Structures are given as structure tokens and as C-alpha cells.
């Protein structure tokens, strides 16, 4: 709502109302969770400042894989069209699209190596990028990336790599014999993995939304799925952060809220959102041109 000429967030407490100022001049995106309402005056001020906002799923998590999210883009702003134009410049060519998909997968490996090589919490659990098991999994995946003839090949090889990483991290955190179950998550590790993946989807969604690139223009995941590009972009950071931290937090018996806070801090610490923006922008700037590494 608007109070004293400012956009504020109002919460009801036992001893009265509490107001939290939102600095709209320095805000890019606002996600309104379940049960949140907004006044027309607030919408008008947000639109005038060029702030994008949307109504998300429960807990502020954009559940793009399971629920509809309503995004509202200010009509009064003039956002650059260079990114969507750059994306569409290669998207309709299957070969160029495959080049971008391969570069995304290599960026995924690079990010994991960087994060695991410097994150102390993961290293305390014995998780390192230069362990033989990890090196073999990443090396084999990198080799298969170059050989992939289509997105289906990439999906097959990345699934095998992720399975090896699950096994490695599960053993390091005392979850030997772990089985990934997305649909019927009962044990804490699977529950936290699902929760963390949705948070990663939220970052990916925000990246594409702010750059103005429709979520349906995927480079690897099913191109008949409306939000497939969100999964492509989220994969850049999921293995590096969501996967290991879900097991680490499950080992500690943390609550979902505690895990959420831990993961969000990790996203910020390792600049996950920045990494997504940089990789997507690169793809729009002739990132689909074949180079010697591919």
C-alpha cells in the first residue's frame, strides 16, 4: 500500500500494525506470495518506478513447475528489447540453439567447480570439486557435451552426471542408498531438494522476466512446455548449490524455513542470480556462434 507518499508493506501484529518501507527506486522485482494484497495506488507508484511485480505460489516461491504465476509488467516503462531480439536471432535455428544449450551446460560445470572449490560449509562435509568421483563425473559430462548431436543427447548425459553427483553428496552426508523421488517426496532430503529447486526456478524466472525473454523459448528442455527455458537457466546453479545444501541441511535436521534461508544466503554469497543474468546475456550477444571448444 501507499503511506505518506511511499510504498510500504503492512503486517498485522498483536500490538498493532507494522510498516516496512520498500525502496522502489532501487527495486527491480517484487514477488507477492499467497494471501498478499496490493492497492491500486501502490501499483501506480511501482509502475512509475519501473518495478516489475507478480503474484507467486505459496511461501513466495514461484512454483513454475506446478502452479500458474501471474506477472504484471508496468505499461509505462520502456524496457530494452535487445535481449529478446538477440535470443530470437538464434532460437529458430536448431544448430545454433544446440550451441547455446552446450554452452549453458559447460557454464553449469564451471559454476559447480567454482562454488565447491571455495564454499567452506560444503568443504566441512568433505565435498570438493577435485575429488576423483566428482572429477570423473564432470570430465565425462564435458566430453559428452561436445559429442551431443541434439538436445536429447544432452539431457541423457546431464541426467547421468547429476545421478553421480547425487550419489557422491549422499555418501558424504550419510545418506548412502538415497533415491531421488520428486513426485512422492517423504524423506527430508527429497523434500528439501524439491523446495530448493523451486527457489532456483524463481531466480531463473526473474532473470528471463526482467530481460523480457519468454519462458517458452527453451534451448534444451521440452520446447512444448511453456516454462521450459526456466529449467534450462535454473540448471546453471542447481547442482552447485541446491543439491549439496539440501543433503547438508537434511543431515542437520533443519526445517524447510531454515533450509530456505540457508539456500537464499548461498545464492547471494555465490552471486547465483548474477551468474544467470550474465550467461543469458552472453547467449543473446552472438553466444550461439560455434567456437573451437564446441
C-alpha atoms as a PDB file:
ATOM      1  CA  UNK A   1       0.000   0.000   0.000  1.00  0.00           C
ATOM      2  CA  UNK A   2       0.983   3.679  -0.166  1.00  0.00           C
ATOM      3  CA  UNK A   3       1.577   5.576   3.084  1.00  0.00           C
ATOM      4  CA  UNK A   4       2.945   9.107   3.321  1.00  0.00           C
ATOM      5  CA  UNK A   5       3.972   9.043  -0.326  1.00  0.00           C
ATOM      6  CA  UNK A   6       5.908   5.778  -0.038  1.00  0.00           C
ATOM      7  CA  UNK A   7       5.172   2.177  -0.973  1.00  0.00           C
ATOM      8  CA  UNK A   8       5.125   0.127   2.220  1.00  0.00           C
ATOM      9  CA  UNK A   9       4.447  -3.449   3.260  1.00  0.00           C
ATOM     10  CA  UNK A  10       1.899  -3.692   6.059  1.00  0.00           C
ATOM     11  CA  UNK A  11       1.738  -6.560   8.520  1.00  0.00           C
ATOM     12  CA  UNK A  12      -0.712  -7.020  11.362  1.00  0.00           C
ATOM     13  CA  UNK A  13       0.814  -7.795  14.753  1.00  0.00           C
ATOM     14  CA  UNK A  14      -0.754  -8.347  18.178  1.00  0.00           C
ATOM     15  CA  UNK A  15       0.288  -4.916  19.371  1.00  0.00           C
ATOM     16  CA  UNK A  16      -0.734  -3.087  16.186  1.00  0.00           C
ATOM     17  CA  UNK A  17       0.314  -2.608  12.580  1.00  0.00           C
ATOM     18  CA  UNK A  18       3.878  -2.640  11.336  1.00  0.00           C
ATOM     19  CA  UNK A  19       5.007  -0.875   8.177  1.00  0.00           C
ATOM     20  CA  UNK A  20       8.092  -1.785   6.150  1.00  0.00           C
ATOM     21  CA  UNK A  21       9.326   0.719   3.589  1.00  0.00           C
ATOM     22  CA  UNK A  22      10.079  -0.616   0.085  1.00  0.00           C
ATOM     23  CA  UNK A  23      12.755   1.464  -1.719  1.00  0.00           C
ATOM     24  CA  UNK A  24      11.120   1.306  -5.143  1.00  0.00           C
ATOM     25  CA  UNK A  25      13.847   3.362  -6.848  1.00  0.00           C
ATOM     26  CA  UNK A  26      16.315   0.553  -6.110  1.00  0.00           C
ATOM     27  CA  UNK A  27      13.935  -2.370  -6.633  1.00  0.00           C
ATOM     28  CA  UNK A  28      13.686  -4.466  -9.795  1.00  0.00           C
ATOM     29  CA  UNK A  29      11.205  -7.197  -8.880  1.00  0.00           C
ATOM     30  CA  UNK A  30       8.639  -7.754  -6.127  1.00  0.00           C
ATOM     31  CA  UNK A  31       7.089 -11.189  -5.631  1.00  0.00           C
ATOM     32  CA  UNK A  32       3.801 -11.244  -3.753  1.00  0.00           C
ATOM     33  CA  UNK A  33       3.135 -14.550  -2.008  1.00  0.00           C
ATOM     34  CA  UNK A  34      -0.132 -16.280  -1.188  1.00  0.00           C
ATOM     35  CA  UNK A  35      -2.537 -14.081   0.787  1.00  0.00           C
ATOM     36  CA  UNK A  36      -0.851 -10.830  -0.182  1.00  0.00           C
ATOM     37  CA  UNK A  37      -2.922  -7.931  -1.458  1.00  0.00           C
ATOM     38  CA  UNK A  38      -1.890  -4.701  -3.168  1.00  0.00           C
ATOM     39  CA  UNK A  39      -3.644  -1.359  -3.640  1.00  0.00           C
ATOM     40  CA  UNK A  40      -4.103   0.472  -6.919  1.00  0.00           C
ATOM     41  CA  UNK A  41      -2.090   3.386  -5.551  1.00  0.00           C
ATOM     42  CA  UNK A  42       0.828   1.058  -4.856  1.00  0.00           C
ATOM     43  CA  UNK A  43       0.585  -0.433  -8.351  1.00  0.00           C
ATOM     44  CA  UNK A  44       0.639   3.061  -9.845  1.00  0.00           C
ATOM     45  CA  UNK A  45       3.776   4.041  -7.911  1.00  0.00           C
ATOM     46  CA  UNK A  46       5.541   0.770  -8.692  1.00  0.00           C
ATOM     47  CA  UNK A  47       4.731   1.129 -12.393  1.00  0.00           C
ATOM     48  CA  UNK A  48       6.012   4.703 -12.460  1.00  0.00           C
ATOM     49  CA  UNK A  49       9.321   3.486 -10.977  1.00  0.00           C
ATOM     50  CA  UNK A  50       9.571   0.622 -13.499  1.00  0.00           C
ATOM     51  CA  UNK A  51       9.265  -2.100 -10.854  1.00  0.00           C
ATOM     52  CA  UNK A  52       8.054  -5.495 -12.083  1.00  0.00           C
ATOM     53  CA  UNK A  53       5.870  -7.460  -9.706  1.00  0.00           C
ATOM     54  CA  UNK A  54       3.923 -10.667  -9.688  1.00  0.00           C
ATOM     55  CA  UNK A  55       1.747 -12.956  -7.607  1.00  0.00           C
ATOM     56  CA  UNK A  56       3.612 -16.157  -6.828  1.00  0.00           C
ATOM     57  CA  UNK A  57       2.896 -19.509  -5.248  1.00  0.00           C
ATOM     58  CA  UNK A  58       2.960 -20.295  -1.525  1.00  0.00           C
ATOM     59  CA  UNK A  59       5.823 -19.024   0.581  1.00  0.00           C
ATOM     60  CA  UNK A  60       6.910 -16.579  -2.095  1.00  0.00           C
ATOM     61  CA  UNK A  61       8.258 -19.403  -4.241  1.00  0.00           C
ATOM     62  CA  UNK A  62       7.294 -19.223  -7.934  1.00  0.00           C
ATOM     63  CA  UNK A  63       6.134 -22.816  -8.409  1.00  0.00           C
ATOM     64  CA  UNK A  64       6.519 -22.689 -12.170  1.00  0.00           C
ATOM     65  CA  UNK A  65       6.523 -26.462 -12.395  1.00  0.00           C
ATOM     66  CA  UNK A  66       3.164 -26.819 -10.713  1.00  0.00           C
ATOM     67  CA  UNK A  67       1.158 -23.623 -10.491  1.00  0.00           C
ATOM     68  CA  UNK A  68       0.393 -20.609 -12.611  1.00  0.00           C
ATOM     69  CA  UNK A  69       2.197 -17.398 -11.777  1.00  0.00           C
ATOM     70  CA  UNK A  70       0.702 -14.071 -12.766  1.00  0.00           C
ATOM     71  CA  UNK A  71       3.300 -11.469 -13.833  1.00  0.00           C
ATOM     72  CA  UNK A  72       2.318  -7.834 -14.189  1.00  0.00           C
ATOM     73  CA  UNK A  73       4.626  -5.651 -16.283  1.00  0.00           C
ATOM     74  CA  UNK A  74       4.372  -1.844 -15.960  1.00  0.00           C
ATOM     75  CA  UNK A  75       2.884  -0.417 -19.141  1.00  0.00           C
ATOM     76  CA  UNK A  76       4.514   2.981 -18.642  1.00  0.00           C
ATOM     77  CA  UNK A  77       8.099   1.743 -18.943  1.00  0.00           C
ATOM     78  CA  UNK A  78      10.358   1.273 -21.952  1.00  0.00           C
ATOM     79  CA  UNK A  79      12.390  -1.846 -21.308  1.00  0.00           C
ATOM     80  CA  UNK A  80      15.143  -2.708 -23.812  1.00  0.00           C
ATOM     81  CA  UNK A  81      14.150  -5.199 -26.486  1.00  0.00           C
ATOM     82  CA  UNK A  82      17.744  -6.117 -27.360  1.00  0.00           C
ATOM     83  CA  UNK A  83      17.733  -9.306 -25.283  1.00  0.00           C
ATOM     84  CA  UNK A  84      14.619 -10.913 -26.711  1.00  0.00           C
ATOM     85  CA  UNK A  85      15.716  -9.897 -30.212  1.00  0.00           C
ATOM     86  CA  UNK A  86      19.154 -11.403 -29.614  1.00  0.00           C
ATOM     87  CA  UNK A  87      17.598 -14.609 -28.303  1.00  0.00           C
ATOM     88  CA  UNK A  88      15.206 -14.991 -31.208  1.00  0.00           C
ATOM     89  CA  UNK A  89      18.036 -14.320 -33.658  1.00  0.00           C
ATOM     90  CA  UNK A  90      19.372 -17.819 -32.988  1.00  0.00           C
ATOM     91  CA  UNK A  91      16.405 -19.671 -31.499  1.00  0.00           C
ATOM     92  CA  UNK A  92      14.726 -20.658 -34.772  1.00  0.00           C
ATOM     93  CA  UNK A  93      17.897 -22.393 -35.992  1.00  0.00           C
ATOM     94  CA  UNK A  94      18.235 -25.856 -34.326  1.00  0.00           C
ATOM     95  CA  UNK A  95      22.022 -25.913 -34.760  1.00  0.00           C
ATOM     96  CA  UNK A  96      22.539 -22.523 -33.155  1.00  0.00           C
ATOM     97  CA  UNK A  97      20.109 -23.431 -30.410  1.00  0.00           C
ATOM     98  CA  UNK A  98      22.185 -26.533 -29.678  1.00  0.00           C
ATOM     99  CA  UNK A  99      25.343 -24.412 -29.447  1.00  0.00           C
ATOM    100  CA  UNK A 100      23.739 -22.284 -26.726  1.00  0.00           C
ATOM    101  CA  UNK A 101      22.500 -25.398 -24.910  1.00  0.00           C
ATOM    102  CA  UNK A 102      26.056 -26.771 -24.883  1.00  0.00           C
ATOM    103  CA  UNK A 103      27.479 -23.512 -23.595  1.00  0.00           C
ATOM    104  CA  UNK A 104      24.898 -23.497 -20.807  1.00  0.00           C
ATOM    105  CA  UNK A 105      25.984 -26.985 -19.787  1.00  0.00           C
ATOM    106  CA  UNK A 106      29.661 -26.032 -19.751  1.00  0.00           C
ATOM    107  CA  UNK A 107      28.805 -22.952 -17.696  1.00  0.00           C
ATOM    108  CA  UNK A 108      26.949 -25.251 -15.305  1.00  0.00           C
ATOM    109  CA  UNK A 109      30.108 -27.313 -14.773  1.00  0.00           C
ATOM    110  CA  UNK A 110      32.283 -24.221 -14.335  1.00  0.00           C
ATOM    111  CA  UNK A 111      29.944 -22.767 -11.721  1.00  0.00           C
ATOM    112  CA  UNK A 112      29.916 -26.012  -9.725  1.00  0.00           C
ATOM    113  CA  UNK A 113      33.703 -26.209  -9.750  1.00  0.00           C
ATOM    114  CA  UNK A 114      33.944 -22.605  -8.592  1.00  0.00           C
ATOM    115  CA  UNK A 115      31.387 -22.921  -5.779  1.00  0.00           C
ATOM    116  CA  UNK A 116      32.564 -26.277  -4.447  1.00  0.00           C
ATOM    117  CA  UNK A 117      36.143 -25.056  -4.589  1.00  0.00           C
ATOM    118  CA  UNK A 118      35.563 -22.196  -2.146  1.00  0.00           C
ATOM    119  CA  UNK A 119      32.444 -22.892  -0.070  1.00  0.00           C
ATOM    120  CA  UNK A 120      33.575 -23.725   3.464  1.00  0.00           C
ATOM    121  CA  UNK A 121      30.288 -25.270   4.574  1.00  0.00           C
ATOM    122  CA  UNK A 122      30.461 -27.810   1.774  1.00  0.00           C
ATOM    123  CA  UNK A 123      34.137 -28.472   2.387  1.00  0.00           C
ATOM    124  CA  UNK A 124      33.405 -29.171   6.040  1.00  0.00           C
ATOM    125  CA  UNK A 125      31.289 -32.069   4.783  1.00  0.00           C
ATOM    126  CA  UNK A 126      34.166 -33.293   2.616  1.00  0.00           C
ATOM    127  CA  UNK A 127      32.612 -32.068  -0.631  1.00  0.00           C
ATOM    128  CA  UNK A 128      35.311 -30.934  -3.090  1.00  0.00           C
ATOM    129  CA  UNK A 129      35.352 -30.477  -6.870  1.00  0.00           C
ATOM    130  CA  UNK A 130      38.714 -32.212  -7.221  1.00  0.00           C
ATOM    131  CA  UNK A 131      37.646 -35.483  -5.580  1.00  0.00           C
ATOM    132  CA  UNK A 132      38.178 -38.323  -8.024  1.00  0.00           C
ATOM    133  CA  UNK A 133      34.474 -39.210  -8.237  1.00  0.00           C
ATOM    134  CA  UNK A 134      33.480 -35.630  -9.000  1.00  0.00           C
ATOM    135  CA  UNK A 135      36.276 -35.075 -11.489  1.00  0.00           C
ATOM    136  CA  UNK A 136      35.344 -38.257 -13.369  1.00  0.00           C
ATOM    137  CA  UNK A 137      31.661 -37.292 -13.485  1.00  0.00           C
ATOM    138  CA  UNK A 138      32.332 -33.740 -14.685  1.00  0.00           C
ATOM    139  CA  UNK A 139      35.021 -34.801 -17.140  1.00  0.00           C
ATOM    140  CA  UNK A 140      32.809 -37.462 -18.709  1.00  0.00           C
ATOM    141  CA  UNK A 141      29.936 -34.986 -18.931  1.00  0.00           C
ATOM    142  CA  UNK A 142      32.135 -32.320 -20.539  1.00  0.00           C
ATOM    143  CA  UNK A 143      33.301 -34.809 -23.156  1.00  0.00           C
ATOM    144  CA  UNK A 144      29.743 -35.875 -23.917  1.00  0.00           C
ATOM    145  CA  UNK A 145      28.656 -32.251 -24.264  1.00  0.00           C
ATOM    146  CA  UNK A 146      30.951 -31.839 -27.251  1.00  0.00           C
ATOM    147  CA  UNK A 147      29.668 -35.044 -28.862  1.00  0.00           C
ATOM    148  CA  UNK A 148      25.948 -34.385 -28.338  1.00  0.00           C
ATOM    149  CA  UNK A 149      24.093 -34.270 -31.650  1.00  0.00           C
ATOM    150  CA  UNK A 150      20.823 -32.923 -30.252  1.00  0.00           C
ATOM    151  CA  UNK A 151      19.192 -31.678 -27.009  1.00  0.00           C
ATOM    152  CA  UNK A 152      18.023 -35.203 -26.229  1.00  0.00           C
ATOM    153  CA  UNK A 153      21.627 -36.376 -26.049  1.00  0.00           C
ATOM    154  CA  UNK A 154      22.419 -33.522 -23.676  1.00  0.00           C
ATOM    155  CA  UNK A 155      19.504 -34.375 -21.427  1.00  0.00           C
ATOM    156  CA  UNK A 156      20.578 -38.006 -21.264  1.00  0.00           C
ATOM    157  CA  UNK A 157      24.179 -37.202 -20.358  1.00  0.00           C
ATOM    158  CA  UNK A 158      23.291 -34.499 -17.836  1.00  0.00           C
ATOM    159  CA  UNK A 159      20.901 -36.897 -16.101  1.00  0.00           C
ATOM    160  CA  UNK A 160      23.729 -39.421 -15.739  1.00  0.00           C
ATOM    161  CA  UNK A 161      26.074 -36.744 -14.383  1.00  0.00           C
ATOM    162  CA  UNK A 162      23.527 -35.467 -11.876  1.00  0.00           C
ATOM    163  CA  UNK A 163      22.866 -39.041 -10.697  1.00  0.00           C
ATOM    164  CA  UNK A 164      26.590 -39.433  -9.972  1.00  0.00           C
ATOM    165  CA  UNK A 165      26.646 -36.151  -8.062  1.00  0.00           C
ATOM    166  CA  UNK A 166      23.624 -37.275  -6.004  1.00  0.00           C
ATOM    167  CA  UNK A 167      25.455 -40.469  -5.106  1.00  0.00           C
ATOM    168  CA  UNK A 168      28.656 -38.630  -4.184  1.00  0.00           C
ATOM    169  CA  UNK A 169      26.999 -35.994  -1.972  1.00  0.00           C
ATOM    170  CA  UNK A 170      24.652 -38.555  -0.389  1.00  0.00           C
ATOM    171  CA  UNK A 171      27.629 -40.672   0.676  1.00  0.00           C
ATOM    172  CA  UNK A 172      29.474 -37.648   2.059  1.00  0.00           C
ATOM    173  CA  UNK A 173      26.477 -36.645   4.191  1.00  0.00           C
ATOM    174  CA  UNK A 174      25.483 -40.106   5.412  1.00  0.00           C
ATOM    175  CA  UNK A 175      22.597 -40.789   3.015  1.00  0.00           C
ATOM    176  CA  UNK A 176      24.015 -43.809   1.203  1.00  0.00           C
ATOM    177  CA  UNK A 177      21.325 -45.578  -0.794  1.00  0.00           C
ATOM    178  CA  UNK A 178      19.428 -42.324  -1.405  1.00  0.00           C
ATOM    179  CA  UNK A 179      16.803 -42.491  -4.156  1.00  0.00           C
ATOM    180  CA  UNK A 180      15.547 -39.308  -5.807  1.00  0.00           C
ATOM    181  CA  UNK A 181      11.741 -39.077  -5.738  1.00  0.00           C
ATOM    182  CA  UNK A 182      10.297 -35.798  -6.962  1.00  0.00           C
ATOM    183  CA  UNK A 183       6.638 -36.769  -7.025  1.00  0.00           C
ATOM    184  CA  UNK A 184       6.351 -38.532  -3.658  1.00  0.00           C
ATOM    185  CA  UNK A 185       8.935 -36.743  -1.562  1.00  0.00           C
ATOM    186  CA  UNK A 186       8.620 -38.017   2.005  1.00  0.00           C
ATOM    187  CA  UNK A 187      12.148 -38.078   3.404  1.00  0.00           C
ATOM    188  CA  UNK A 188      13.684 -34.720   4.315  1.00  0.00           C
ATOM    189  CA  UNK A 189      16.415 -34.797   1.650  1.00  0.00           C
ATOM    190  CA  UNK A 190      13.874 -35.147  -1.178  1.00  0.00           C
ATOM    191  CA  UNK A 191      11.612 -32.519   0.365  1.00  0.00           C
ATOM    192  CA  UNK A 192      14.457 -30.006   0.598  1.00  0.00           C
ATOM    193  CA  UNK A 193      15.633 -30.805  -2.919  1.00  0.00           C
ATOM    194  CA  UNK A 194      12.161 -30.011  -4.273  1.00  0.00           C
ATOM    195  CA  UNK A 195      11.981 -26.810  -2.235  1.00  0.00           C
ATOM    196  CA  UNK A 196      15.431 -25.717  -3.351  1.00  0.00           C
ATOM    197  CA  UNK A 197      14.715 -26.432  -6.996  1.00  0.00           C
ATOM    198  CA  UNK A 198      11.646 -24.207  -6.853  1.00  0.00           C
ATOM    199  CA  UNK A 199      13.765 -21.396  -5.439  1.00  0.00           C
ATOM    200  CA  UNK A 200      16.217 -21.845  -8.315  1.00  0.00           C
ATOM    201  CA  UNK A 201      13.266 -21.715 -10.731  1.00  0.00           C
ATOM    202  CA  UNK A 202      12.323 -18.431  -9.091  1.00  0.00           C
ATOM    203  CA  UNK A 203      15.748 -16.937  -9.842  1.00  0.00           C
ATOM    204  CA  UNK A 204      15.636 -18.207 -13.421  1.00  0.00           C
ATOM    205  CA  UNK A 205      12.116 -16.886 -13.902  1.00  0.00           C
ATOM    206  CA  UNK A 206      13.134 -13.480 -12.595  1.00  0.00           C
ATOM    207  CA  UNK A 207      16.179 -13.374 -14.876  1.00  0.00           C
ATOM    208  CA  UNK A 208      14.148 -14.095 -18.002  1.00  0.00           C
ATOM    209  CA  UNK A 209      11.275 -11.887 -16.937  1.00  0.00           C
ATOM    210  CA  UNK A 210      13.478  -8.856 -16.329  1.00  0.00           C
ATOM    211  CA  UNK A 211      15.319  -9.368 -19.643  1.00  0.00           C
ATOM    212  CA  UNK A 212      11.990  -9.787 -21.432  1.00  0.00           C
ATOM    213  CA  UNK A 213      12.671 -13.260 -22.848  1.00  0.00           C
ATOM    214  CA  UNK A 214       9.555 -15.511 -22.971  1.00  0.00           C
ATOM    215  CA  UNK A 215       9.892 -18.683 -20.926  1.00  0.00           C
ATOM    216  CA  UNK A 216       8.804 -20.902 -23.783  1.00  0.00           C
ATOM    217  CA  UNK A 217      11.916 -20.372 -25.931  1.00  0.00           C
ATOM    218  CA  UNK A 218      13.944 -23.200 -24.406  1.00  0.00           C
ATOM    219  CA  UNK A 219      17.252 -24.479 -25.769  1.00  0.00           C
ATOM    220  CA  UNK A 220      17.356 -27.902 -24.127  1.00  0.00           C
ATOM    221  CA  UNK A 221      14.242 -28.898 -22.177  1.00  0.00           C
ATOM    222  CA  UNK A 222      10.966 -29.748 -23.899  1.00  0.00           C
ATOM    223  CA  UNK A 223      10.092 -26.893 -26.233  1.00  0.00           C
ATOM    224  CA  UNK A 224       6.393 -27.690 -25.944  1.00  0.00           C
ATOM    225  CA  UNK A 225       6.447 -26.708 -22.259  1.00  0.00           C
ATOM    226  CA  UNK A 226       5.525 -23.114 -21.534  1.00  0.00           C
ATOM    227  CA  UNK A 227       8.173 -22.640 -18.868  1.00  0.00           C
ATOM    228  CA  UNK A 228      10.913 -24.874 -20.273  1.00  0.00           C
ATOM    229  CA  UNK A 229      13.530 -22.110 -20.569  1.00  0.00           C
ATOM    230  CA  UNK A 230      13.208 -21.570 -16.814  1.00  0.00           C
ATOM    231  CA  UNK A 231      14.500 -25.110 -16.287  1.00  0.00           C
ATOM    232  CA  UNK A 232      17.394 -24.501 -18.686  1.00  0.00           C
ATOM    233  CA  UNK A 233      18.531 -21.409 -16.792  1.00  0.00           C
ATOM    234  CA  UNK A 234      17.935 -22.869 -13.321  1.00  0.00           C
ATOM    235  CA  UNK A 235      20.212 -25.795 -14.184  1.00  0.00           C
ATOM    236  CA  UNK A 236      23.130 -23.370 -14.218  1.00  0.00           C
ATOM    237  CA  UNK A 237      23.155 -23.317 -10.402  1.00  0.00           C
ATOM    238  CA  UNK A 238      21.078 -26.247  -9.131  1.00  0.00           C
ATOM    239  CA  UNK A 239      23.841 -28.848  -8.987  1.00  0.00           C
ATOM    240  CA  UNK A 240      26.298 -26.438  -7.418  1.00  0.00           C
ATOM    241  CA  UNK A 241      24.087 -25.165  -4.587  1.00  0.00           C
ATOM    242  CA  UNK A 242      20.663 -26.788  -4.239  1.00  0.00           C
ATOM    243  CA  UNK A 243      21.892 -30.379  -4.468  1.00  0.00           C
ATOM    244  CA  UNK A 244      24.627 -30.324  -1.793  1.00  0.00           C
ATOM    245  CA  UNK A 245      22.929 -27.924   0.614  1.00  0.00           C
ATOM    246  CA  UNK A 246      19.732 -29.984   0.620  1.00  0.00           C
ATOM    247  CA  UNK A 247      21.699 -33.005   1.865  1.00  0.00           C
ATOM    248  CA  UNK A 248      23.760 -30.961   4.325  1.00  0.00           C
ATOM    249  CA  UNK A 249      20.630 -29.415   5.831  1.00  0.00           C
ATOM    250  CA  UNK A 250      18.792 -32.766   5.854  1.00  0.00           C
ATOM    251  CA  UNK A 251      21.716 -34.240   7.780  1.00  0.00           C
ATOM    252  CA  UNK A 252      21.309 -31.468  10.371  1.00  0.00           C
ATOM    253  CA  UNK A 253      17.551 -31.973  10.515  1.00  0.00           C
ATOM    254  CA  UNK A 254      16.763 -28.365   9.640  1.00  0.00           C
ATOM    255  CA  UNK A 255      13.257 -27.157   8.906  1.00  0.00           C
ATOM    256  CA  UNK A 256      12.191 -26.109   5.421  1.00  0.00           C
ATOM    257  CA  UNK A 257      12.252 -22.466   6.511  1.00  0.00           C
ATOM    258  CA  UNK A 258      15.795 -22.800   7.848  1.00  0.00           C
ATOM    259  CA  UNK A 259      16.880 -24.514   4.637  1.00  0.00           C
ATOM    260  CA  UNK A 260      15.240 -21.771   2.616  1.00  0.00           C
ATOM    261  CA  UNK A 261      17.191 -19.092   4.487  1.00  0.00           C
ATOM    262  CA  UNK A 262      20.431 -21.053   4.125  1.00  0.00           C
ATOM    263  CA  UNK A 263      19.949 -21.520   0.392  1.00  0.00           C
ATOM    264  CA  UNK A 264      18.965 -17.912  -0.241  1.00  0.00           C
ATOM    265  CA  UNK A 265      22.105 -16.793   1.585  1.00  0.00           C
ATOM    266  CA  UNK A 266      24.140 -19.162  -0.576  1.00  0.00           C
ATOM    267  CA  UNK A 267      22.512 -17.789  -3.735  1.00  0.00           C
ATOM    268  CA  UNK A 268      23.538 -14.308  -2.632  1.00  0.00           C
ATOM    269  CA  UNK A 269      27.020 -15.316  -1.461  1.00  0.00           C
ATOM    270  CA  UNK A 270      27.879 -17.051  -4.727  1.00  0.00           C
ATOM    271  CA  UNK A 271      26.030 -14.498  -6.902  1.00  0.00           C
ATOM    272  CA  UNK A 272      23.763 -17.096  -8.486  1.00  0.00           C
ATOM    273  CA  UNK A 273      21.345 -14.529  -9.918  1.00  0.00           C
ATOM    274  CA  UNK A 274      24.203 -12.503 -11.392  1.00  0.00           C
ATOM    275  CA  UNK A 275      25.574 -15.675 -12.979  1.00  0.00           C
ATOM    276  CA  UNK A 276      22.225 -16.414 -14.621  1.00  0.00           C
ATOM    277  CA  UNK A 277      21.950 -12.883 -15.981  1.00  0.00           C
ATOM    278  CA  UNK A 278      25.491 -12.982 -17.391  1.00  0.00           C
ATOM    279  CA  UNK A 279      25.062 -16.330 -19.132  1.00  0.00           C
ATOM    280  CA  UNK A 280      21.702 -15.411 -20.684  1.00  0.00           C
ATOM    281  CA  UNK A 281      23.029 -12.037 -21.841  1.00  0.00           C
ATOM    282  CA  UNK A 282      26.053 -13.749 -23.397  1.00  0.00           C
ATOM    283  CA  UNK A 283      23.746 -16.024 -25.386  1.00  0.00           C
ATOM    284  CA  UNK A 284      21.900 -13.017 -26.795  1.00  0.00           C
ATOM    285  CA  UNK A 285      25.194 -11.405 -27.873  1.00  0.00           C
ATOM    286  CA  UNK A 286      26.240 -13.895 -30.574  1.00  0.00           C
ATOM    287  CA  UNK A 287      26.701 -16.595 -27.929  1.00  0.00           C
ATOM    288  CA  UNK A 288      25.418 -19.099 -30.451  1.00  0.00           C
ATOM    289  CA  UNK A 289      28.443 -18.751 -32.741  1.00  0.00           C
ATOM    290  CA  UNK A 290      30.375 -22.010 -32.951  1.00  0.00           C
ATOM    291  CA  UNK A 291      33.876 -21.797 -31.479  1.00  0.00           C
ATOM    292  CA  UNK A 292      36.756 -24.252 -31.267  1.00  0.00           C
ATOM    293  CA  UNK A 293      35.668 -25.627 -27.878  1.00  0.00           C
ATOM    294  CA  UNK A 294      32.428 -26.879 -29.380  1.00  0.00           C
END
